[in-house]
Amino acid sequence: MDISKRIAEMKKQPGFQDNVGMILIHNGTVRSWSRKDKKEVVALEVTPDLEKIESIRQEFLKREGIYDIITEAKTGRFQPGDDLLFLIVAGDIRENIKPVLAELLDRVKSEAITKKEIMAE
């Protein structure tokens, strides 16, 4: 995803100037080490449930102050440093936006993404 391009497109939508005071972005990448034991990871296989992600997105769009949410979850085998997950949350004020990004991220990761680490031998 070209984050700058997606934000520029969002800014052209009707009502953006009247409803947005903050945009928060999550850009998830592949780590070179395992979260559970710090062992070296050489690749990561990722399978997102895109329908579930959209369902979660729709739920969070109803939250107070939220103008728009953009999600992109990649499928396949990736190397450390590769981009995996993009979340963009736009809305009125930080008190409304920050918790939505945090909760959205946690829900997507726990409910809609399956990962398998490929370890170094």
PDB file of N, CA and C in Angstrom:
ATOM      1  N   MET A   1       0.842  -1.174   0.000  1.00  0.00           N
ATOM      2  CA  MET A   1       0.000   0.000   0.000  1.00  0.00           C
ATOM      3  C   MET A   1       0.884   1.233   0.000  1.00  0.00           C
ATOM      4  N   ASP A   2       0.522   2.175  -0.816  1.00  0.00           N
ATOM      5  CA  ASP A   2       1.164   3.483  -0.791  1.00  0.00           C
ATOM      6  C   ASP A   2       0.360   4.348   0.192  1.00  0.00           C
ATOM      7  N   ILE A   3       0.865   4.463   1.406  1.00  0.00           N
ATOM      8  CA  ILE A   3       0.131   5.147   2.472  1.00  0.00           C
ATOM      9  C   ILE A   3      -0.179   6.597   2.099  1.00  0.00           C
ATOM     10  N   SER A   4       0.788   7.294   1.556  1.00  0.00           N
ATOM     11  CA  SER A   4       0.572   8.697   1.182  1.00  0.00           C
ATOM     12  C   SER A   4      -0.534   8.822   0.140  1.00  0.00           C
ATOM     13  N   LYS A   5      -0.546   7.925  -0.820  1.00  0.00           N
ATOM     14  CA  LYS A   5      -1.577   7.950  -1.860  1.00  0.00           C
ATOM     15  C   LYS A   5      -2.960   7.675  -1.272  1.00  0.00           C
ATOM     16  N   ARG A   6      -3.045   6.685  -0.376  1.00  0.00           N
ATOM     17  CA  ARG A   6      -4.344   6.359   0.227  1.00  0.00           C
ATOM     18  C   ARG A   6      -4.871   7.516   1.073  1.00  0.00           C
ATOM     19  N   ILE A   7      -3.987   8.187   1.793  1.00  0.00           N
ATOM     20  CA  ILE A   7      -4.415   9.335   2.599  1.00  0.00           C
ATOM     21  C   ILE A   7      -4.844  10.484   1.687  1.00  0.00           C
ATOM     22  N   ALA A   8      -4.110  10.713   0.614  1.00  0.00           N
ATOM     23  CA  ALA A   8      -4.479  11.768  -0.339  1.00  0.00           C
ATOM     24  C   ALA A   8      -5.866  11.485  -0.925  1.00  0.00           C
ATOM     25  N   GLU A   9      -6.147  10.227  -1.242  1.00  0.00           N
ATOM     26  CA  GLU A   9      -7.473   9.860  -1.753  1.00  0.00           C
ATOM     27  C   GLU A   9      -8.543  10.103  -0.700  1.00  0.00           C
ATOM     28  N   MET A  10      -8.245   9.752   0.552  1.00  0.00           N
ATOM     29  CA  MET A  10      -9.199   9.956   1.643  1.00  0.00           C
ATOM     30  C   MET A  10      -9.514  11.441   1.805  1.00  0.00           C
ATOM     31  N   LYS A  11      -8.490  12.274   1.680  1.00  0.00           N
ATOM     32  CA  LYS A  11      -8.682  13.715   1.861  1.00  0.00           C
ATOM     33  C   LYS A  11      -9.598  14.319   0.799  1.00  0.00           C
ATOM     34  N   LYS A  12      -9.790  13.630  -0.313  1.00  0.00           N
ATOM     35  CA  LYS A  12     -10.678  14.115  -1.375  1.00  0.00           C
ATOM     36  C   LYS A  12     -12.138  13.720  -1.139  1.00  0.00           C
ATOM     37  N   GLN A  13     -12.379  12.861  -0.159  1.00  0.00           N
ATOM     38  CA  GLN A  13     -13.750  12.405   0.106  1.00  0.00           C
ATOM     39  C   GLN A  13     -14.579  13.532   0.716  1.00  0.00           C
ATOM     40  N   PRO A  14     -15.868  13.547   0.396  1.00  0.00           N
ATOM     41  CA  PRO A  14     -16.751  14.568   0.978  1.00  0.00           C
ATOM     42  C   PRO A  14     -16.753  14.487   2.503  1.00  0.00           C
ATOM     43  N   GLY A  15     -16.655  15.627   3.149  1.00  0.00           N
ATOM     44  CA  GLY A  15     -16.736  15.700   4.595  1.00  0.00           C
ATOM     45  C   GLY A  15     -15.422  15.516   5.326  1.00  0.00           C
ATOM     46  N   PHE A  16     -14.349  15.230   4.605  1.00  0.00           N
ATOM     47  CA  PHE A  16     -13.067  15.003   5.277  1.00  0.00           C
ATOM     48  C   PHE A  16     -12.671  16.211   6.128  1.00  0.00           C
ATOM     49  N   GLN A  17     -12.676  17.393   5.538  1.00  0.00           N
ATOM     50  CA  GLN A  17     -12.205  18.591   6.251  1.00  0.00           C
ATOM     51  C   GLN A  17     -13.046  18.902   7.479  1.00  0.00           C
ATOM     52  N   ASP A  18     -14.320  18.534   7.441  1.00  0.00           N
ATOM     53  CA  ASP A  18     -15.216  18.826   8.566  1.00  0.00           C
ATOM     54  C   ASP A  18     -15.160  17.777   9.665  1.00  0.00           C
ATOM     55  N   ASN A  19     -14.596  16.613   9.375  1.00  0.00           N
ATOM     56  CA  ASN A  19     -14.695  15.496  10.317  1.00  0.00           C
ATOM     57  C   ASN A  19     -13.373  14.884  10.762  1.00  0.00           C
ATOM     58  N   VAL A  20     -12.251  15.312  10.192  1.00  0.00           N
ATOM     59  CA  VAL A  20     -10.985  14.656  10.512  1.00  0.00           C
ATOM     60  C   VAL A  20      -9.980  15.640  11.091  1.00  0.00           C
ATOM     61  N   GLY A  21      -9.480  15.293  12.277  1.00  0.00           N
ATOM     62  CA  GLY A  21      -8.419  16.053  12.915  1.00  0.00           C
ATOM     63  C   GLY A  21      -7.207  15.184  13.202  1.00  0.00           C
ATOM     64  N   MET A  22      -7.335  13.876  12.914  1.00  0.00           N
ATOM     65  CA  MET A  22      -6.226  12.961  13.177  1.00  0.00           C
ATOM     66  C   MET A  22      -6.342  11.733  12.289  1.00  0.00           C
ATOM     67  N   ILE A  23      -5.184  11.272  11.813  1.00  0.00           N
ATOM     68  CA  ILE A  23      -5.088  10.009  11.086  1.00  0.00           C
ATOM     69  C   ILE A  23      -3.970   9.215  11.753  1.00  0.00           C
ATOM     70  N   LEU A  24      -4.298   7.992  12.184  1.00  0.00           N
ATOM     71  CA  LEU A  24      -3.295   7.104  12.767  1.00  0.00           C
ATOM     72  C   LEU A  24      -3.090   5.916  11.845  1.00  0.00           C
ATOM     73  N   ILE A  25      -1.854   5.442  11.777  1.00  0.00           N
ATOM     74  CA  ILE A  25      -1.496   4.378  10.851  1.00  0.00           C
ATOM     75  C   ILE A  25      -0.737   3.278  11.585  1.00  0.00           C
ATOM     76  N   HIS A  26      -1.097   2.045  11.269  1.00  0.00           N
ATOM     77  CA  HIS A  26      -0.319   0.880  11.691  1.00  0.00           C
ATOM     78  C   HIS A  26       0.260   0.256  10.430  1.00  0.00           C
ATOM     79  N   ASN A  27       1.564   0.044  10.407  1.00  0.00           N
ATOM     80  CA  ASN A  27       2.246  -0.626   9.296  1.00  0.00           C
ATOM     81  C   ASN A  27       2.997  -1.814   9.895  1.00  0.00           C
ATOM     82  N   GLY A  28       2.354  -2.977   9.902  1.00  0.00           N
ATOM     83  CA  GLY A  28       2.956  -4.177  10.478  1.00  0.00           C
ATOM     84  C   GLY A  28       3.931  -4.817   9.509  1.00  0.00           C
ATOM     85  N   THR A  29       5.086  -5.207  10.026  1.00  0.00           N
ATOM     86  CA  THR A  29       6.133  -5.833   9.207  1.00  0.00           C
ATOM     87  C   THR A  29       6.563  -7.163   9.841  1.00  0.00           C
ATOM     88  N   VAL A  30       7.249  -7.963   9.064  1.00  0.00           N
ATOM     89  CA  VAL A  30       7.771  -9.240   9.551  1.00  0.00           C
ATOM     90  C   VAL A  30       9.006  -8.971  10.408  1.00  0.00           C
ATOM     91  N   ARG A  31       8.990  -9.524  11.621  1.00  0.00           N
ATOM     92  CA  ARG A  31      10.170  -9.459  12.501  1.00  0.00           C
ATOM     93  C   ARG A  31      11.141 -10.566  12.126  1.00  0.00           C
ATOM     94  N   SER A  32      12.407 -10.383  12.432  1.00  0.00           N
ATOM     95  CA  SER A  32      13.414 -11.407  12.165  1.00  0.00           C
ATOM     96  C   SER A  32      13.596 -12.337  13.363  1.00  0.00           C
ATOM     97  N   TRP A  33      12.733 -12.209  14.362  1.00  0.00           N
ATOM     98  CA  TRP A  33      12.810 -13.056  15.555  1.00  0.00           C
ATOM     99  C   TRP A  33      11.406 -13.371  16.040  1.00  0.00           C
ATOM    100  N   SER A  34      11.291 -14.546  16.679  1.00  0.00           N
ATOM    101  CA  SER A  34      10.006 -15.011  17.191  1.00  0.00           C
ATOM    102  C   SER A  34       9.648 -14.302  18.490  1.00  0.00           C
ATOM    103  N   ARG A  35       8.410 -13.914  18.590  1.00  0.00           N
ATOM    104  CA  ARG A  35       7.925 -13.236  19.792  1.00  0.00           C
ATOM    105  C   ARG A  35       8.006 -14.154  21.019  1.00  0.00           C
ATOM    106  N   LYS A  36       7.756 -15.458  20.828  1.00  0.00           N
ATOM    107  CA  LYS A  36       7.696 -16.355  21.986  1.00  0.00           C
ATOM    108  C   LYS A  36       9.054 -16.756  22.556  1.00  0.00           C
ATOM    109  N   ASP A  37      10.074 -16.912  21.696  1.00  0.00           N
ATOM    110  CA  ASP A  37      11.354 -17.377  22.225  1.00  0.00           C
ATOM    111  C   ASP A  37      12.575 -16.645  21.649  1.00  0.00           C
ATOM    112  N   LYS A  38      12.326 -15.614  20.846  1.00  0.00           N
ATOM    113  CA  LYS A  38      13.387 -14.781  20.251  1.00  0.00           C
ATOM    114  C   LYS A  38      14.268 -15.523  19.239  1.00  0.00           C
ATOM    115  N   LYS A  39      13.850 -16.728  18.814  1.00  0.00           N
ATOM    116  CA  LYS A  39      14.627 -17.460  17.809  1.00  0.00           C
ATOM    117  C   LYS A  39      14.503 -16.770  16.458  1.00  0.00           C
ATOM    118  N   GLU A  40      15.498 -17.005  15.604  1.00  0.00           N
ATOM    119  CA  GLU A  40      15.541 -16.352  14.296  1.00  0.00           C
ATOM    120  C   GLU A  40      14.425 -16.853  13.388  1.00  0.00           C
ATOM    121  N   VAL A  41      13.724 -15.915  12.778  1.00  0.00           N
ATOM    122  CA  VAL A  41      12.672 -16.206  11.808  1.00  0.00           C
ATOM    123  C   VAL A  41      13.196 -15.826  10.421  1.00  0.00           C
ATOM    124  N   VAL A  42      13.125 -16.759   9.474  1.00  0.00           N
ATOM    125  CA  VAL A  42      13.603 -16.483   8.121  1.00  0.00           C
ATOM    126  C   VAL A  42      12.459 -16.148   7.170  1.00  0.00           C
ATOM    127  N   ALA A  43      11.235 -16.540   7.550  1.00  0.00           N
ATOM    128  CA  ALA A  43      10.059 -16.225   6.727  1.00  0.00           C
ATOM    129  C   ALA A  43       8.809 -16.361   7.584  1.00  0.00           C
ATOM    130  N   LEU A  44       7.733 -15.800   7.077  1.00  0.00           N
ATOM    131  CA  LEU A  44       6.448 -15.869   7.766  1.00  0.00           C
ATOM    132  C   LEU A  44       5.370 -16.136   6.722  1.00  0.00           C
ATOM    133  N   GLU A  45       4.565 -17.163   6.974  1.00  0.00           N
ATOM    134  CA  GLU A  45       3.429 -17.462   6.107  1.00  0.00           C
ATOM    135  C   GLU A  45       2.183 -16.884   6.763  1.00  0.00           C
ATOM    136  N   VAL A  46       1.455 -16.068   6.013  1.00  0.00           N
ATOM    137  CA  VAL A  46       0.316 -15.335   6.559  1.00  0.00           C
ATOM    138  C   VAL A  46      -0.933 -15.605   5.734  1.00  0.00           C
ATOM    139  N   THR A  47      -2.032 -15.881   6.455  1.00  0.00           N
ATOM    140  CA  THR A  47      -3.323 -16.063   5.807  1.00  0.00           C
ATOM    141  C   THR A  47      -4.350 -15.210   6.544  1.00  0.00           C
ATOM    142  N   PRO A  48      -4.760 -14.100   5.949  1.00  0.00           N
ATOM    143  CA  PRO A  48      -5.794 -13.284   6.578  1.00  0.00           C
ATOM    144  C   PRO A  48      -7.190 -13.749   6.150  1.00  0.00           C
ATOM    145  N   ASP A  49      -8.142 -13.607   7.046  1.00  0.00           N
ATOM    146  CA  ASP A  49      -9.552 -13.837   6.729  1.00  0.00           C
ATOM    147  C   ASP A  49     -10.120 -12.462   6.362  1.00  0.00           C
ATOM    148  N   LEU A  50     -10.147 -12.168   5.074  1.00  0.00           N
ATOM    149  CA  LEU A  50     -10.518 -10.827   4.608  1.00  0.00           C
ATOM    150  C   LEU A  50     -11.960 -10.478   4.932  1.00  0.00           C
ATOM    151  N   GLU A  51     -12.843 -11.460   4.917  1.00  0.00           N
ATOM    152  CA  GLU A  51     -14.248 -11.197   5.274  1.00  0.00           C
ATOM    153  C   GLU A  51     -14.368 -10.819   6.746  1.00  0.00           C
ATOM    154  N   LYS A  52     -13.632 -11.489   7.604  1.00  0.00           N
ATOM    155  CA  LYS A  52     -13.651 -11.173   9.035  1.00  0.00           C
ATOM    156  C   LYS A  52     -13.054  -9.787   9.277  1.00  0.00           C
ATOM    157  N   ILE A  53     -11.971  -9.472   8.577  1.00  0.00           N
ATOM    158  CA  ILE A  53     -11.361  -8.147   8.727  1.00  0.00           C
ATOM    159  C   ILE A  53     -12.375  -7.068   8.337  1.00  0.00           C
ATOM    160  N   GLU A  54     -13.088  -7.275   7.241  1.00  0.00           N
ATOM    161  CA  GLU A  54     -14.093  -6.295   6.816  1.00  0.00           C
ATOM    162  C   GLU A  54     -15.219  -6.185   7.838  1.00  0.00           C
ATOM    163  N   SER A  55     -15.622  -7.299   8.420  1.00  0.00           N
ATOM    164  CA  SER A  55     -16.661  -7.275   9.451  1.00  0.00           C
ATOM    165  C   SER A  55     -16.211  -6.466  10.666  1.00  0.00           C
ATOM    166  N   ILE A  56     -14.986  -6.676  11.096  1.00  0.00           N
ATOM    167  CA  ILE A  56     -14.431  -5.912  12.220  1.00  0.00           C
ATOM    168  C   ILE A  56     -14.338  -4.438  11.848  1.00  0.00           C
ATOM    169  N   ARG A  57     -13.872  -4.149  10.634  1.00  0.00           N
ATOM    170  CA  ARG A  57     -13.778  -2.759  10.167  1.00  0.00           C
ATOM    171  C   ARG A  57     -15.137  -2.070  10.223  1.00  0.00           C
ATOM    172  N   GLN A  58     -16.160  -2.749   9.743  1.00  0.00           N
ATOM    173  CA  GLN A  58     -17.507  -2.170   9.756  1.00  0.00           C
ATOM    174  C   GLN A  58     -17.980  -1.881  11.183  1.00  0.00           C
ATOM    175  N   GLU A  59     -17.656  -2.760  12.100  1.00  0.00           N
ATOM    176  CA  GLU A  59     -18.009  -2.562  13.510  1.00  0.00           C
ATOM    177  C   GLU A  59     -17.358  -1.289  14.063  1.00  0.00           C
ATOM    178  N   PHE A  60     -16.068  -1.103  13.775  1.00  0.00           N
ATOM    179  CA  PHE A  60     -15.350   0.053  14.307  1.00  0.00           C
ATOM    180  C   PHE A  60     -15.717   1.355  13.595  1.00  0.00           C
ATOM    181  N   LEU A  61     -16.192   1.278  12.373  1.00  0.00           N
ATOM    182  CA  LEU A  61     -16.643   2.487  11.672  1.00  0.00           C
ATOM    183  C   LEU A  61     -17.813   3.156  12.382  1.00  0.00           C
ATOM    184  N   LYS A  62     -18.525   2.400  13.195  1.00  0.00           N
ATOM    185  CA  LYS A  62     -19.695   2.928  13.923  1.00  0.00           C
ATOM    186  C   LYS A  62     -19.306   3.658  15.203  1.00  0.00           C
ATOM    187  N   ARG A  63     -18.046   3.607  15.575  1.00  0.00           N
ATOM    188  CA  ARG A  63     -17.603   4.255  16.818  1.00  0.00           C
ATOM    189  C   ARG A  63     -17.647   5.777  16.685  1.00  0.00           C
ATOM    190  N   GLU A  64     -17.853   6.423  17.823  1.00  0.00           N
ATOM    191  CA  GLU A  64     -17.932   7.885  17.857  1.00  0.00           C
ATOM    192  C   GLU A  64     -16.660   8.513  17.299  1.00  0.00           C
ATOM    193  N   GLY A  65     -16.857   9.489  16.397  1.00  0.00           N
ATOM    194  CA  GLY A  65     -15.747  10.276  15.875  1.00  0.00           C
ATOM    195  C   GLY A  65     -14.976   9.645  14.733  1.00  0.00           C
ATOM    196  N   ILE A  66     -15.316   8.428  14.344  1.00  0.00           N
ATOM    197  CA  ILE A  66     -14.562   7.758  13.283  1.00  0.00           C
ATOM    198  C   ILE A  66     -15.116   8.164  11.924  1.00  0.00           C
ATOM    199  N   TYR A  67     -14.240   8.640  11.076  1.00  0.00           N
ATOM    200  CA  TYR A  67     -14.609   9.070   9.730  1.00  0.00           C
ATOM    201  C   TYR A  67     -14.439   7.938   8.723  1.00  0.00           C
ATOM    202  N   ASP A  68     -13.275   7.288   8.746  1.00  0.00           N
ATOM    203  CA  ASP A  68     -13.019   6.195   7.807  1.00  0.00           C
ATOM    204  C   ASP A  68     -11.925   5.297   8.364  1.00  0.00           C
ATOM    205  N   ILE A  69     -11.954   4.047   7.924  1.00  0.00           N
ATOM    206  CA  ILE A  69     -10.919   3.070   8.264  1.00  0.00           C
ATOM    207  C   ILE A  69     -10.547   2.334   6.984  1.00  0.00           C
ATOM    208  N   ILE A  70      -9.257   2.255   6.723  1.00  0.00           N
ATOM    209  CA  ILE A  70      -8.752   1.516   5.571  1.00  0.00           C
ATOM    210  C   ILE A  70      -7.919   0.356   6.107  1.00  0.00           C
ATOM    211  N   THR A  71      -8.152  -0.838   5.558  1.00  0.00           N
ATOM    212  CA  THR A  71      -7.369  -2.006   5.952  1.00  0.00           C
ATOM    213  C   THR A  71      -6.787  -2.676   4.714  1.00  0.00           C
ATOM    214  N   GLU A  72      -5.585  -3.215   4.872  1.00  0.00           N
ATOM    215  CA  GLU A  72      -4.990  -4.049   3.832  1.00  0.00           C
ATOM    216  C   GLU A  72      -4.143  -5.102   4.527  1.00  0.00           C
ATOM    217  N   ALA A  73      -4.509  -6.370   4.312  1.00  0.00           N
ATOM    218  CA  ALA A  73      -3.768  -7.487   4.889  1.00  0.00           C
ATOM    219  C   ALA A  73      -3.269  -8.366   3.751  1.00  0.00           C
ATOM    220  N   LYS A  74      -1.991  -8.615   3.730  1.00  0.00           N
ATOM    221  CA  LYS A  74      -1.390  -9.388   2.653  1.00  0.00           C
ATOM    222  C   LYS A  74      -1.407 -10.885   2.962  1.00  0.00           C
ATOM    223  N   THR A  75      -1.452 -11.671   1.887  1.00  0.00           N
ATOM    224  CA  THR A  75      -1.459 -13.127   1.966  1.00  0.00           C
ATOM    225  C   THR A  75      -0.192 -13.669   1.324  1.00  0.00           C
ATOM    226  N   GLY A  76       0.386 -14.697   1.936  1.00  0.00           N
ATOM    227  CA  GLY A  76       1.523 -15.352   1.301  1.00  0.00           C
ATOM    228  C   GLY A  76       2.679 -15.573   2.253  1.00  0.00           C
ATOM    229  N   ARG A  77       3.837 -15.760   1.654  1.00  0.00           N
ATOM    230  CA  ARG A  77       5.079 -15.985   2.401  1.00  0.00           C
ATOM    231  C   ARG A  77       5.940 -14.738   2.286  1.00  0.00           C
ATOM    232  N   PHE A  78       6.418 -14.255   3.427  1.00  0.00           N
ATOM    233  CA  PHE A  78       7.132 -12.988   3.477  1.00  0.00           C
ATOM    234  C   PHE A  78       8.440 -13.132   4.243  1.00  0.00           C
ATOM    235  N   GLN A  79       9.361 -12.229   3.964  1.00  0.00           N
ATOM    236  CA  GLN A  79      10.682 -12.197   4.585  1.00  0.00           C
ATOM    237  C   GLN A  79      10.715 -11.092   5.647  1.00  0.00           C
ATOM    238  N   PRO A  80      11.643 -11.184   6.621  1.00  0.00           N
ATOM    239  CA  PRO A  80      11.771 -10.108   7.597  1.00  0.00           C
ATOM    240  C   PRO A  80      11.909  -8.747   6.907  1.00  0.00           C
ATOM    241  N   GLY A  81      11.176  -7.789   7.426  1.00  0.00           N
ATOM    242  CA  GLY A  81      11.167  -6.447   6.861  1.00  0.00           C
ATOM    243  C   GLY A  81      10.023  -6.194   5.900  1.00  0.00           C
ATOM    244  N   ASP A  82       9.399  -7.254   5.370  1.00  0.00           N
ATOM    245  CA  ASP A  82       8.273  -7.080   4.443  1.00  0.00           C
ATOM    246  C   ASP A  82       7.045  -6.539   5.171  1.00  0.00           C
ATOM    247  N   ASP A  83       6.265  -5.732   4.475  1.00  0.00           N
ATOM    248  CA  ASP A  83       5.002  -5.221   5.007  1.00  0.00           C
ATOM    249  C   ASP A  83       3.949  -6.318   4.965  1.00  0.00           C
ATOM    250  N   LEU A  84       3.135  -6.388   6.035  1.00  0.00           N
ATOM    251  CA  LEU A  84       2.084  -7.401   6.144  1.00  0.00           C
ATOM    252  C   LEU A  84       0.687  -6.822   6.296  1.00  0.00           C
ATOM    253  N   LEU A  85       0.584  -5.812   7.152  1.00  0.00           N
ATOM    254  CA  LEU A  85      -0.732  -5.316   7.537  1.00  0.00           C
ATOM    255  C   LEU A  85      -0.710  -3.799   7.646  1.00  0.00           C
ATOM    256  N   PHE A  86      -1.663  -3.181   6.975  1.00  0.00           N
ATOM    257  CA  PHE A  86      -1.829  -1.733   7.069  1.00  0.00           C
ATOM    258  C   PHE A  86      -3.216  -1.436   7.639  1.00  0.00           C
ATOM    259  N   LEU A  87      -3.270  -0.555   8.610  1.00  0.00           N
ATOM    260  CA  LEU A  87      -4.530  -0.049   9.147  1.00  0.00           C
ATOM    261  C   LEU A  87      -4.414   1.467   9.192  1.00  0.00           C
ATOM    262  N   ILE A  88      -5.403   2.144   8.643  1.00  0.00           N
ATOM    263  CA  ILE A  88      -5.451   3.601   8.688  1.00  0.00           C
ATOM    264  C   ILE A  88      -6.782   3.983   9.307  1.00  0.00           C
ATOM    265  N   VAL A  89      -6.733   4.741  10.393  1.00  0.00           N
ATOM    266  CA  VAL A  89      -7.942   5.184  11.081  1.00  0.00           C
ATOM    267  C   VAL A  89      -7.955   6.706  11.085  1.00  0.00           C
ATOM    268  N   ALA A  90      -9.029   7.276  10.542  1.00  0.00           N
ATOM    269  CA  ALA A  90      -9.178   8.736  10.493  1.00  0.00           C
ATOM    270  C   ALA A  90     -10.423   9.129  11.271  1.00  0.00           C
ATOM    271  N   GLY A  91     -10.299  10.238  12.002  1.00  0.00           N
ATOM    272  CA  GLY A  91     -11.450  10.703  12.755  1.00  0.00           C
ATOM    273  C   GLY A  91     -11.207  12.057  13.375  1.00  0.00           C
ATOM    274  N   ASP A  92     -12.085  12.391  14.306  1.00  0.00           N
ATOM    275  CA  ASP A  92     -12.125  13.744  14.824  1.00  0.00           C
ATOM    276  C   ASP A  92     -11.017  14.097  15.817  1.00  0.00           C
ATOM    277  N   ILE A  93     -10.952  13.399  16.960  1.00  0.00           N
ATOM    278  CA  ILE A  93      -9.993  13.758  18.009  1.00  0.00           C
ATOM    279  C   ILE A  93      -9.271  12.510  18.523  1.00  0.00           C
ATOM    280  N   ARG A  94      -8.107  12.729  19.122  1.00  0.00           N
ATOM    281  CA  ARG A  94      -7.272  11.598  19.535  1.00  0.00           C
ATOM    282  C   ARG A  94      -7.952  10.692  20.556  1.00  0.00           C
ATOM    283  N   GLU A  95      -8.788  11.249  21.423  1.00  0.00           N
ATOM    284  CA  GLU A  95      -9.460  10.426  22.422  1.00  0.00           C
ATOM    285  C   GLU A  95     -10.380   9.388  21.777  1.00  0.00           C
ATOM    286  N   ASN A  96     -10.852   9.674  20.570  1.00  0.00           N
ATOM    287  CA  ASN A  96     -11.683   8.720  19.839  1.00  0.00           C
ATOM    288  C   ASN A  96     -10.855   7.815  18.926  1.00  0.00           C
ATOM    289  N   ILE A  97      -9.778   8.333  18.372  1.00  0.00           N
ATOM    290  CA  ILE A  97      -9.019   7.615  17.350  1.00  0.00           C
ATOM    291  C   ILE A  97      -8.037   6.610  17.951  1.00  0.00           C
ATOM    292  N   LYS A  98      -7.293   7.003  18.969  1.00  0.00           N
ATOM    293  CA  LYS A  98      -6.266   6.121  19.527  1.00  0.00           C
ATOM    294  C   LYS A  98      -6.821   4.776  20.001  1.00  0.00           C
ATOM    295  N   PRO A  99      -7.905   4.772  20.782  1.00  0.00           N
ATOM    296  CA  PRO A  99      -8.399   3.464  21.227  1.00  0.00           C
ATOM    297  C   PRO A  99      -8.938   2.614  20.079  1.00  0.00           C
ATOM    298  N   VAL A 100      -9.483   3.243  19.057  1.00  0.00           N
ATOM    299  CA  VAL A 100      -9.998   2.477  17.924  1.00  0.00           C
ATOM    300  C   VAL A 100      -8.864   1.784  17.191  1.00  0.00           C
ATOM    301  N   LEU A 101      -7.764   2.488  16.938  1.00  0.00           N
ATOM    302  CA  LEU A 101      -6.641   1.841  16.263  1.00  0.00           C
ATOM    303  C   LEU A 101      -6.115   0.673  17.100  1.00  0.00           C
ATOM    304  N   ALA A 102      -5.960   0.891  18.405  1.00  0.00           N
ATOM    305  CA  ALA A 102      -5.427  -0.164  19.275  1.00  0.00           C
ATOM    306  C   ALA A 102      -6.360  -1.380  19.298  1.00  0.00           C
ATOM    307  N   GLU A 103      -7.643  -1.160  19.476  1.00  0.00           N
ATOM    308  CA  GLU A 103      -8.603  -2.266  19.545  1.00  0.00           C
ATOM    309  C   GLU A 103      -8.755  -2.948  18.192  1.00  0.00           C
ATOM    310  N   LEU A 104      -8.792  -2.171  17.128  1.00  0.00           N
ATOM    311  CA  LEU A 104      -8.894  -2.723  15.780  1.00  0.00           C
ATOM    312  C   LEU A 104      -7.703  -3.638  15.502  1.00  0.00           C
ATOM    313  N   LEU A 105      -6.514  -3.177  15.801  1.00  0.00           N
ATOM    314  CA  LEU A 105      -5.308  -3.965  15.590  1.00  0.00           C
ATOM    315  C   LEU A 105      -5.368  -5.272  16.386  1.00  0.00           C
ATOM    316  N   ASP A 106      -5.702  -5.177  17.652  1.00  0.00           N
ATOM    317  CA  ASP A 106      -5.764  -6.378  18.483  1.00  0.00           C
ATOM    318  C   ASP A 106      -6.805  -7.376  17.967  1.00  0.00           C
ATOM    319  N   ARG A 107      -7.962  -6.888  17.568  1.00  0.00           N
ATOM    320  CA  ARG A 107      -9.028  -7.772  17.060  1.00  0.00           C
ATOM    321  C   ARG A 107      -8.633  -8.421  15.738  1.00  0.00           C
ATOM    322  N   VAL A 108      -8.089  -7.640  14.812  1.00  0.00           N
ATOM    323  CA  VAL A 108      -7.686  -8.194  13.513  1.00  0.00           C
ATOM    324  C   VAL A 108      -6.624  -9.264  13.720  1.00  0.00           C
ATOM    325  N   LYS A 109      -5.618  -8.969  14.535  1.00  0.00           N
ATOM    326  CA  LYS A 109      -4.528  -9.921  14.758  1.00  0.00           C
ATOM    327  C   LYS A 109      -5.017 -11.191  15.454  1.00  0.00           C
ATOM    328  N   SER A 110      -5.921 -11.070  16.418  1.00  0.00           N
ATOM    329  CA  SER A 110      -6.352 -12.245  17.171  1.00  0.00           C
ATOM    330  C   SER A 110      -7.471 -13.031  16.488  1.00  0.00           C
ATOM    331  N   GLU A 111      -8.311 -12.359  15.699  1.00  0.00           N
ATOM    332  CA  GLU A 111      -9.490 -13.020  15.140  1.00  0.00           C
ATOM    333  C   GLU A 111      -9.416 -13.303  13.649  1.00  0.00           C
ATOM    334  N   ALA A 112      -8.529 -12.625  12.920  1.00  0.00           N
ATOM    335  CA  ALA A 112      -8.631 -12.696  11.459  1.00  0.00           C
ATOM    336  C   ALA A 112      -7.317 -12.985  10.734  1.00  0.00           C
ATOM    337  N   ILE A 113      -6.240 -13.234  11.459  1.00  0.00           N
ATOM    338  CA  ILE A 113      -4.969 -13.503  10.791  1.00  0.00           C
ATOM    339  C   ILE A 113      -4.317 -14.747  11.390  1.00  0.00           C
ATOM    340  N   THR A 114      -3.928 -15.657  10.499  1.00  0.00           N
ATOM    341  CA  THR A 114      -3.205 -16.860  10.889  1.00  0.00           C
ATOM    342  C   THR A 114      -1.782 -16.734  10.356  1.00  0.00           C
ATOM    343  N   LYS A 115      -0.799 -17.026  11.229  1.00  0.00           N
ATOM    344  CA  LYS A 115       0.597 -16.896  10.835  1.00  0.00           C
ATOM    345  C   LYS A 115       1.347 -18.170  11.204  1.00  0.00           C
ATOM    346  N   LYS A 116       2.361 -18.487  10.369  1.00  0.00           N
ATOM    347  CA  LYS A 116       3.263 -19.594  10.679  1.00  0.00           C
ATOM    348  C   LYS A 116       4.683 -19.096  10.452  1.00  0.00           C
ATOM    349  N   GLU A 117       5.470 -19.109  11.519  1.00  0.00           N
ATOM    350  CA  GLU A 117       6.867 -18.691  11.429  1.00  0.00           C
ATOM    351  C   GLU A 117       7.720 -19.822  10.853  1.00  0.00           C
ATOM    352  N   ILE A 118       8.618 -19.475   9.948  1.00  0.00           N
ATOM    353  CA  ILE A 118       9.593 -20.406   9.410  1.00  0.00           C
ATOM    354  C   ILE A 118      10.918 -20.050  10.079  1.00  0.00           C
ATOM    355  N   MET A 119      11.427 -20.982  10.855  1.00  0.00           N
ATOM    356  CA  MET A 119      12.589 -20.707  11.682  1.00  0.00           C
ATOM    357  C   MET A 119      13.884 -21.058  10.961  1.00  0.00           C
ATOM    358  N   ALA A 120      14.962 -20.402  11.373  1.00  0.00           N
ATOM    359  CA  ALA A 120      16.299 -20.722  10.866  1.00  0.00           C
ATOM    360  C   ALA A 120      16.685 -22.104  11.379  1.00  0.00           C
ATOM    361  N   GLU A 121      17.443 -22.819  10.593  1.00  0.00           N
ATOM    362  CA  GLU A 121      17.876 -24.160  11.026  1.00  0.00           C
ATOM    363  C   GLU A 121      19.292 -24.144  11.527  1.00  0.00           C
TER     364      GLU A 121
END
